[in-house]
Amino acid sequence: MTPLQALLLQRIAADGPLGLDDYMAAALGHPEHGYYMSGDPLGRTGDFVTAPEVSQMFGELIGLWCAVVWSSMGRPARVNLVELGPGRGTLMADALRALTQVDGVSAALDVHMVETSPSLTLRQQRNLSLVDVPVHWHQKFSAVPDGPVIVIGNEFLDALPIRQMVKTPAGWAERKVGADGGRLVWVDVPSMAVPAMDAQVGQIVEIALARDAAVGDIATRLVQGGGAALLIDYGHALSAVGDTLQAVKDHKYHDVLTDPGAADLTSHVDFASAARAARAAGAVAHGPVNQGDFLKALGIEARAKVLARGKTPREAGEVLGAMKRLIGPQEMGTLFKVLAVTAPGLPVPAGFGG
């Protein structure tokens, strides 16, 4: 039993079953025992590998995307480049290497890393210690100063808490986390709430209020100060019923209610709902498009050829293998989607048909 599980059992005994959103928030963000609070979950020795860790090409192309956006904004003298949930800082380091090659960008940039994990913050600070632009750290997006902004969120939305509603013969119930003999178990609690989508008996509808609120906050900042956001995650383009909650530990799927605080918890992003939240705040939503199509539109194939040039056959094969993992339809290319959100008046961003 993890220390967090013992605390959750005490909480359930005192207050009754926990909503899934409360359970996820505790499992991932408990100040002492939360999954993201105490270690580095990324890489071969962690629990999962994200796109920036697969290849430098991913971050470099996003950096160039940001440069094009900055230019389309009228090349403002100051712009806040923000990354949400920046992992080890690998994406930002690679993005800055490409971005700062564009004339005028370096003098305009203030980088802001929004990170709640102390251990990952330290890793980011090491990885970005040599960059030649100001870098600031915040625990909340709201702490980023006002002004024009470009936001990057790679595998950020999938970790935000969700609720689940299940259709029963008697009506709707909320799926919560209860206790049975020292174990965490699912319990269905009758609810008066009615999801926006209908379902058959036994089917689950996920409600991502925190996720849509986060997208709404980003969109509001874009409308107020100008700029664009790039949100990349695994998920579905159209809203649909179904249970997408999953836990991962040691690169393998894990039971969601076992070892809270020691396994990653995520759910698939409903990009249609996220786009609606952006539009409701007055911003413009573009996409989603498949990650593979997005990266190909930005020139990943040409970049891979450059990186492979002059390398040994093994090294060249590694470059091309990494590209395939990022864009292949059986790899990350189709499962991962890309949504751009822009302030009104900006052109269609690169990779979205513009």
Protein backbone atom coordinates (compact mmCIF):
# COMPACT_ATOMS: atom_id res chain seq x y z
CA MET A 1 0.00 0.00 0.00
CA THR A 2 1.39 3.40 -0.96
CA PRO A 3 1.41 6.21 1.63
CA LEU A 4 -1.13 8.09 -0.47
CA GLN A 5 -3.50 5.11 -0.56
CA ALA A 6 -3.53 5.05 3.24
CA LEU A 7 -4.40 8.76 3.30
CA LEU A 8 -7.14 8.30 0.70
CA LEU A 9 -8.68 5.43 2.66
CA GLN A 10 -8.83 7.66 5.72
CA ARG A 11 -10.41 10.42 3.67
CA ILE A 12 -13.03 8.07 2.23
CA ALA A 13 -13.83 6.69 5.69
CA ALA A 14 -14.46 10.22 6.93
CA ASP A 15 -16.19 11.82 3.94
CA GLY A 16 -17.45 9.04 1.68
CA PRO A 17 -16.44 8.11 -1.88
CA LEU A 18 -14.15 10.45 -3.78
CA GLY A 19 -15.01 11.92 -7.15
CA LEU A 20 -12.60 10.74 -9.85
CA ASP A 21 -11.41 14.31 -10.30
CA ASP A 22 -10.43 14.50 -6.62
CA TYR A 23 -8.73 11.10 -6.82
CA MET A 24 -6.71 12.12 -9.90
CA ALA A 25 -5.75 15.45 -8.36
CA ALA A 26 -4.43 13.69 -5.25
CA ALA A 27 -2.71 10.84 -7.13
CA LEU A 28 -0.84 13.24 -9.41
CA GLY A 29 -0.46 16.39 -7.36
CA HIS A 30 -0.48 15.61 -3.62
CA PRO A 31 2.25 17.89 -2.20
CA GLU A 32 4.14 15.01 -0.58
CA HIS A 33 2.99 11.80 -2.25
CA GLY A 34 1.72 12.88 -5.68
CA TYR A 35 3.14 11.16 -8.74
CA TYR A 36 4.61 14.33 -10.24
CA MET A 37 5.91 15.71 -6.97
CA SER A 38 8.70 13.33 -6.06
CA GLY A 39 10.56 12.02 -9.10
CA ASP A 40 11.26 12.06 -12.83
CA PRO A 41 8.67 9.90 -14.61
CA LEU A 42 10.10 10.41 -18.10
CA GLY A 43 12.46 8.40 -20.25
CA ARG A 44 13.62 4.82 -20.38
CA THR A 45 14.12 4.66 -16.63
CA GLY A 46 10.75 6.31 -15.93
CA ASP A 47 7.23 5.27 -16.79
CA PHE A 48 6.74 6.76 -20.25
CA VAL A 49 8.51 8.58 -23.09
CA THR A 50 7.13 11.78 -24.62
CA ALA A 51 7.74 13.09 -28.14
CA PRO A 52 10.51 15.56 -27.15
CA GLU A 53 12.46 12.64 -25.66
CA VAL A 54 12.09 10.66 -28.90
CA SER A 55 13.93 13.18 -31.08
CA GLN A 56 15.22 16.73 -31.12
CA MET A 57 13.25 17.21 -34.35
CA PHE A 58 9.99 17.52 -32.42
CA GLY A 59 11.07 20.51 -30.34
CA GLU A 60 12.97 22.13 -33.19
CA LEU A 61 9.92 22.15 -35.45
CA ILE A 62 7.74 23.54 -32.69
CA GLY A 63 10.33 26.27 -32.18
CA LEU A 64 10.11 27.21 -35.85
CA TRP A 65 6.30 27.14 -35.60
CA CYS A 66 6.58 29.65 -32.76
CA ALA A 67 8.85 31.86 -34.88
CA VAL A 68 6.27 31.93 -37.68
CA VAL A 69 3.54 32.82 -35.17
CA TRP A 70 5.67 35.62 -33.71
CA SER A 71 6.16 37.03 -37.18
CA SER A 72 2.42 36.80 -37.92
CA MET A 73 1.79 38.73 -34.68
CA GLY A 74 3.75 41.66 -36.11
CA ARG A 75 7.07 40.73 -34.47
CA PRO A 76 6.21 42.27 -31.05
CA ALA A 77 9.18 43.67 -29.12
CA ARG A 78 8.31 41.48 -26.12
CA VAL A 79 6.52 38.14 -26.12
CA ASN A 80 6.03 35.55 -23.39
CA LEU A 81 6.85 32.03 -24.59
CA VAL A 82 5.07 29.69 -22.16
CA GLU A 83 5.29 25.93 -21.79
CA LEU A 84 2.71 24.12 -19.69
CA GLY A 85 3.86 20.91 -17.99
CA PRO A 86 7.35 21.11 -19.53
CA GLY A 87 8.71 17.73 -18.40
CA ARG A 88 12.49 17.79 -18.33
CA GLY A 89 12.71 21.00 -20.37
CA THR A 90 13.82 19.04 -23.43
CA LEU A 91 11.16 20.46 -25.73
CA MET A 92 11.92 24.05 -24.73
CA ALA A 93 15.68 23.56 -25.09
CA ASP A 94 15.25 22.16 -28.61
CA ALA A 95 12.66 24.80 -29.52
CA LEU A 96 14.91 27.65 -28.40
CA ARG A 97 17.84 26.28 -30.38
CA ALA A 98 15.76 26.62 -33.56
CA LEU A 99 13.72 29.65 -32.56
CA THR A 100 16.66 31.85 -31.67
CA GLN A 101 18.17 31.37 -35.12
CA VAL A 102 15.43 33.66 -36.42
CA ASP A 103 16.54 37.29 -36.53
CA GLY A 104 15.07 39.41 -33.74
CA VAL A 105 13.48 36.64 -31.71
CA SER A 106 16.06 36.34 -28.94
CA ALA A 107 15.70 39.99 -27.94
CA ALA A 108 11.91 39.64 -27.78
CA LEU A 109 11.60 36.44 -25.74
CA ASP A 110 10.75 35.92 -22.11
CA VAL A 111 10.39 32.18 -21.42
CA HIS A 112 7.94 31.02 -18.75
CA MET A 113 7.81 27.42 -17.54
CA VAL A 114 4.61 26.45 -15.71
CA GLU A 115 5.51 23.48 -13.51
CA THR A 116 4.16 22.16 -10.20
CA SER A 117 6.79 19.45 -9.61
CA PRO A 118 9.87 20.50 -7.61
CA SER A 119 11.97 17.64 -9.00
CA LEU A 120 11.07 18.38 -12.62
CA THR A 121 11.67 22.09 -12.05
CA LEU A 122 15.23 21.31 -11.00
CA ARG A 123 15.71 19.16 -14.10
CA GLN A 124 14.38 21.94 -16.31
CA GLN A 125 16.66 24.48 -14.68
CA ARG A 126 19.68 22.31 -15.44
CA ASN A 127 18.63 21.73 -19.05
CA LEU A 128 17.98 25.42 -19.66
CA SER A 129 20.88 26.82 -17.68
CA LEU A 130 22.85 27.81 -20.79
CA VAL A 131 20.11 29.36 -22.91
CA ASP A 132 20.62 33.02 -23.76
CA VAL A 133 17.10 34.26 -22.96
CA PRO A 134 15.38 35.00 -19.63
CA VAL A 135 13.62 31.94 -18.14
CA HIS A 136 11.09 32.12 -15.31
CA TRP A 137 9.23 29.40 -13.40
CA HIS A 138 5.65 29.50 -12.14
CA GLN A 139 3.29 27.01 -10.54
CA LYS A 140 0.23 28.47 -12.28
CA PHE A 141 -0.46 29.82 -15.76
CA SER A 142 -2.18 32.81 -14.15
CA ALA A 143 1.21 33.93 -12.80
CA VAL A 144 2.58 34.56 -16.30
CA PRO A 145 2.76 38.35 -16.87
CA ASP A 146 0.29 40.06 -19.18
CA GLY A 147 1.17 40.73 -22.79
CA PRO A 148 1.50 38.88 -26.10
CA VAL A 149 1.92 35.16 -25.51
CA ILE A 150 2.78 31.96 -27.34
CA VAL A 151 1.78 28.84 -25.39
CA ILE A 152 3.02 25.26 -25.85
CA GLY A 153 1.30 22.35 -24.13
CA ASN A 154 2.58 18.88 -25.03
CA GLU A 155 0.89 16.08 -23.07
CA PHE A 156 -0.43 18.63 -20.61
CA LEU A 157 -4.18 18.34 -21.04
CA ASP A 158 -4.32 14.55 -20.65
CA ALA A 159 -3.26 14.72 -16.99
CA LEU A 160 -5.93 17.19 -15.89
CA PRO A 161 -8.63 15.62 -13.68
CA ILE A 162 -11.88 14.33 -15.17
CA ARG A 163 -15.17 12.97 -13.85
CA GLN A 164 -16.98 9.93 -15.18
CA MET A 165 -20.72 9.38 -15.46
CA VAL A 166 -22.16 5.93 -16.13
CA LYS A 167 -25.60 5.20 -17.56
CA THR A 168 -27.50 2.71 -15.38
CA PRO A 169 -30.98 1.19 -15.79
CA ALA A 170 -32.17 3.68 -13.16
CA GLY A 171 -30.54 6.71 -14.78
CA TRP A 172 -27.19 8.43 -14.45
CA ALA A 173 -24.63 7.72 -11.72
CA GLU A 174 -21.25 9.21 -11.03
CA ARG A 175 -18.34 6.78 -10.93
CA LYS A 176 -16.43 7.42 -7.73
CA VAL A 177 -13.64 5.85 -5.69
CA GLY A 178 -14.71 4.04 -2.55
CA ALA A 179 -13.15 1.56 -0.12
CA ASP A 180 -13.66 -2.12 0.60
CA GLY A 181 -11.53 -3.96 3.15
CA GLY A 182 -8.54 -1.66 2.76
CA ARG A 183 -8.76 -1.63 -1.05
CA LEU A 184 -9.81 1.19 -3.33
CA VAL A 185 -12.81 0.19 -5.46
CA TRP A 186 -15.18 1.78 -7.95
CA VAL A 187 -18.64 2.71 -6.72
CA ASP A 188 -21.48 4.18 -8.76
CA VAL A 189 -23.30 6.94 -6.88
CA PRO A 190 -26.71 8.01 -8.28
CA SER A 191 -26.55 11.55 -9.61
CA MET A 192 -28.98 14.20 -10.81
CA ALA A 193 -26.37 15.50 -13.24
CA VAL A 194 -27.01 14.71 -16.90
CA PRO A 195 -24.07 14.71 -19.35
CA ALA A 196 -24.36 16.54 -22.65
CA MET A 197 -24.01 13.23 -24.52
CA ASP A 198 -26.45 10.36 -24.23
CA ALA A 199 -25.28 6.78 -23.82
CA GLN A 200 -26.45 3.19 -23.64
CA VAL A 201 -26.78 1.43 -20.29
CA GLY A 202 -23.32 0.53 -19.03
CA GLN A 203 -21.51 3.15 -21.09
CA ILE A 204 -19.39 5.90 -19.56
CA VAL A 205 -19.31 9.59 -20.44
CA GLU A 206 -16.26 11.57 -19.33
CA ILE A 207 -16.61 15.18 -18.21
CA ALA A 208 -13.41 17.22 -18.37
CA LEU A 209 -14.32 20.47 -16.63
CA ALA A 210 -10.76 21.20 -15.51
CA ARG A 211 -9.40 20.57 -19.00
CA ASP A 212 -11.92 22.80 -20.73
CA ALA A 213 -11.38 25.48 -18.08
CA ALA A 214 -7.64 25.40 -18.74
CA VAL A 215 -8.19 25.80 -22.48
CA GLY A 216 -10.63 28.61 -21.76
CA ASP A 217 -8.04 30.40 -19.60
CA ILE A 218 -5.45 30.10 -22.37
CA ALA A 219 -7.92 31.38 -24.96
CA THR A 220 -8.85 34.34 -22.76
CA ARG A 221 -5.19 35.35 -22.49
CA LEU A 222 -4.81 35.14 -26.26
CA VAL A 223 -7.85 37.34 -26.83
CA GLN A 224 -6.66 39.90 -24.28
CA GLY A 225 -2.98 40.10 -25.19
CA GLY A 226 -2.63 38.51 -28.62
CA GLY A 227 -0.85 35.33 -29.59
CA ALA A 228 -1.38 31.63 -30.16
CA ALA A 229 -1.29 28.28 -28.39
CA LEU A 230 -0.27 24.84 -29.61
CA LEU A 231 -1.82 21.93 -27.71
CA ILE A 232 -0.56 18.42 -28.50
CA ASP A 233 -1.91 15.28 -26.87
CA TYR A 234 -3.39 11.87 -27.48
CA GLY A 235 -7.13 11.82 -27.84
CA HIS A 236 -10.05 11.93 -30.24
CA ALA A 237 -11.10 14.63 -32.67
CA LEU A 238 -14.84 14.18 -32.06
CA SER A 239 -16.67 13.89 -28.74
CA ALA A 240 -17.61 10.29 -27.97
CA VAL A 241 -18.69 8.08 -25.09
CA GLY A 242 -16.23 5.65 -23.54
CA ASP A 243 -13.82 5.06 -20.67
CA THR A 244 -10.36 6.38 -21.62
CA LEU A 245 -8.87 6.63 -18.12
CA GLN A 246 -5.59 4.75 -17.84
CA ALA A 247 -2.61 4.31 -15.55
CA VAL A 248 0.96 3.64 -16.67
CA LYS A 249 3.87 2.37 -14.59
CA ASP A 250 7.24 1.12 -15.86
CA HIS A 251 6.08 1.61 -19.48
CA LYS A 252 3.16 -0.79 -18.92
CA TYR A 253 -0.55 -0.30 -18.32
CA HIS A 254 -1.40 -0.46 -14.64
CA ASP A 255 -4.59 -0.73 -12.61
CA VAL A 256 -5.95 2.78 -12.02
CA LEU A 257 -6.80 2.17 -8.35
CA THR A 258 -3.59 0.34 -7.44
CA ASP A 259 -0.56 2.27 -6.16
CA PRO A 260 -1.99 5.82 -6.25
CA GLY A 261 0.88 8.27 -6.35
CA ALA A 262 3.24 5.70 -7.89
CA ALA A 263 1.67 5.48 -11.37
CA ASP A 264 0.76 8.05 -14.00
CA LEU A 265 -2.94 8.73 -14.58
CA THR A 266 -4.25 10.19 -17.83
CA SER A 267 -7.30 10.24 -20.05
CA HIS A 268 -7.76 10.85 -23.76
CA VAL A 269 -8.36 14.48 -24.67
CA ASP A 270 -11.71 15.34 -26.23
CA PHE A 271 -10.39 17.88 -28.74
CA ALA A 272 -13.85 18.85 -29.93
CA SER A 273 -14.74 19.90 -26.40
CA ALA A 274 -11.42 21.74 -26.01
CA ALA A 275 -12.02 23.62 -29.26
CA ARG A 276 -15.51 24.61 -28.08
CA ALA A 277 -14.02 25.97 -24.85
CA ALA A 278 -11.53 28.06 -26.84
CA ARG A 279 -14.24 29.47 -29.09
CA ALA A 280 -16.49 30.23 -26.10
CA ALA A 281 -13.70 32.48 -24.79
CA GLY A 282 -13.58 34.38 -28.08
CA ALA A 283 -10.51 32.75 -29.62
CA VAL A 284 -10.18 30.89 -32.91
CA ALA A 285 -9.58 27.11 -32.89
CA HIS A 286 -7.72 25.36 -35.71
CA GLY A 287 -7.81 21.59 -36.06
CA PRO A 288 -7.27 19.20 -34.52
CA VAL A 289 -4.99 17.56 -37.05
CA ASN A 290 -3.01 14.35 -36.65
CA GLN A 291 0.48 14.82 -35.23
CA GLY A 292 1.98 13.01 -38.20
CA ASP A 293 0.35 15.36 -40.71
CA PHE A 294 1.31 18.38 -38.62
CA LEU A 295 4.99 17.44 -38.38
CA LYS A 296 5.19 16.53 -42.06
CA ALA A 297 3.69 19.90 -42.96
CA LEU A 298 6.40 21.58 -40.87
CA GLY A 299 9.13 19.67 -42.73
CA ILE A 300 10.16 16.82 -40.45
CA GLU A 301 11.13 14.60 -43.40
CA ALA A 302 13.55 17.20 -44.74
CA ARG A 303 14.95 17.80 -41.24
CA ALA A 304 15.51 14.06 -40.75
CA LYS A 305 17.48 13.88 -44.00
CA VAL A 306 19.72 16.71 -42.82
CA LEU A 307 20.32 15.07 -39.45
CA ALA A 308 21.05 11.69 -41.06
CA ARG A 309 23.52 13.12 -43.57
CA GLY A 310 27.09 12.06 -42.86
CA LYS A 311 26.06 9.71 -40.06
CA THR A 312 26.92 6.04 -39.81
CA PRO A 313 24.22 3.67 -41.09
CA ARG A 314 23.25 2.89 -37.50
CA GLU A 315 23.02 6.57 -36.52
CA ALA A 316 21.05 7.42 -39.67
CA GLY A 317 18.71 4.55 -38.94
CA GLU A 318 18.10 5.92 -35.44
CA VAL A 319 17.17 9.32 -36.88
CA LEU A 320 14.76 7.82 -39.38
CA GLY A 321 13.37 5.45 -36.74
CA ALA A 322 12.65 8.38 -34.43
CA MET A 323 10.87 10.21 -37.24
CA LYS A 324 8.76 7.14 -37.94
CA ARG A 325 7.80 6.92 -34.29
CA LEU A 326 6.66 10.54 -34.30
CA ILE A 327 4.68 10.46 -37.56
CA GLY A 328 3.88 6.80 -38.27
CA PRO A 329 0.15 5.99 -38.28
CA GLN A 330 0.81 2.91 -36.12
CA GLU A 331 3.00 4.91 -33.75
CA MET A 332 2.30 8.45 -32.47
CA GLY A 333 1.29 9.97 -35.79
CA THR A 334 -2.44 9.26 -35.64
CA LEU A 335 -3.21 8.79 -31.94
CA PHE A 336 -1.73 12.19 -31.10
CA LYS A 337 -3.62 15.27 -32.23
CA VAL A 338 -2.62 18.92 -32.51
CA LEU A 339 -4.95 21.84 -31.80
CA ALA A 340 -3.98 25.46 -32.37
CA VAL A 341 -5.79 28.33 -30.67
CA THR A 342 -5.19 31.88 -31.86
CA ALA A 343 -6.30 35.40 -31.12
CA PRO A 344 -8.86 36.71 -33.62
CA GLY A 345 -7.26 38.25 -36.70
CA LEU A 346 -4.18 36.05 -36.90
CA PRO A 347 -3.71 33.95 -40.05
CA VAL A 348 -4.20 30.21 -40.07
CA PRO A 349 -1.05 28.86 -38.37
CA ALA A 350 1.51 26.64 -40.08
CA GLY A 351 0.50 22.98 -40.17
CA PHE A 352 -3.23 23.71 -40.27
CA GLY A 353 -3.70 24.42 -43.95
CA GLY A 354 -2.46 27.98 -43.92
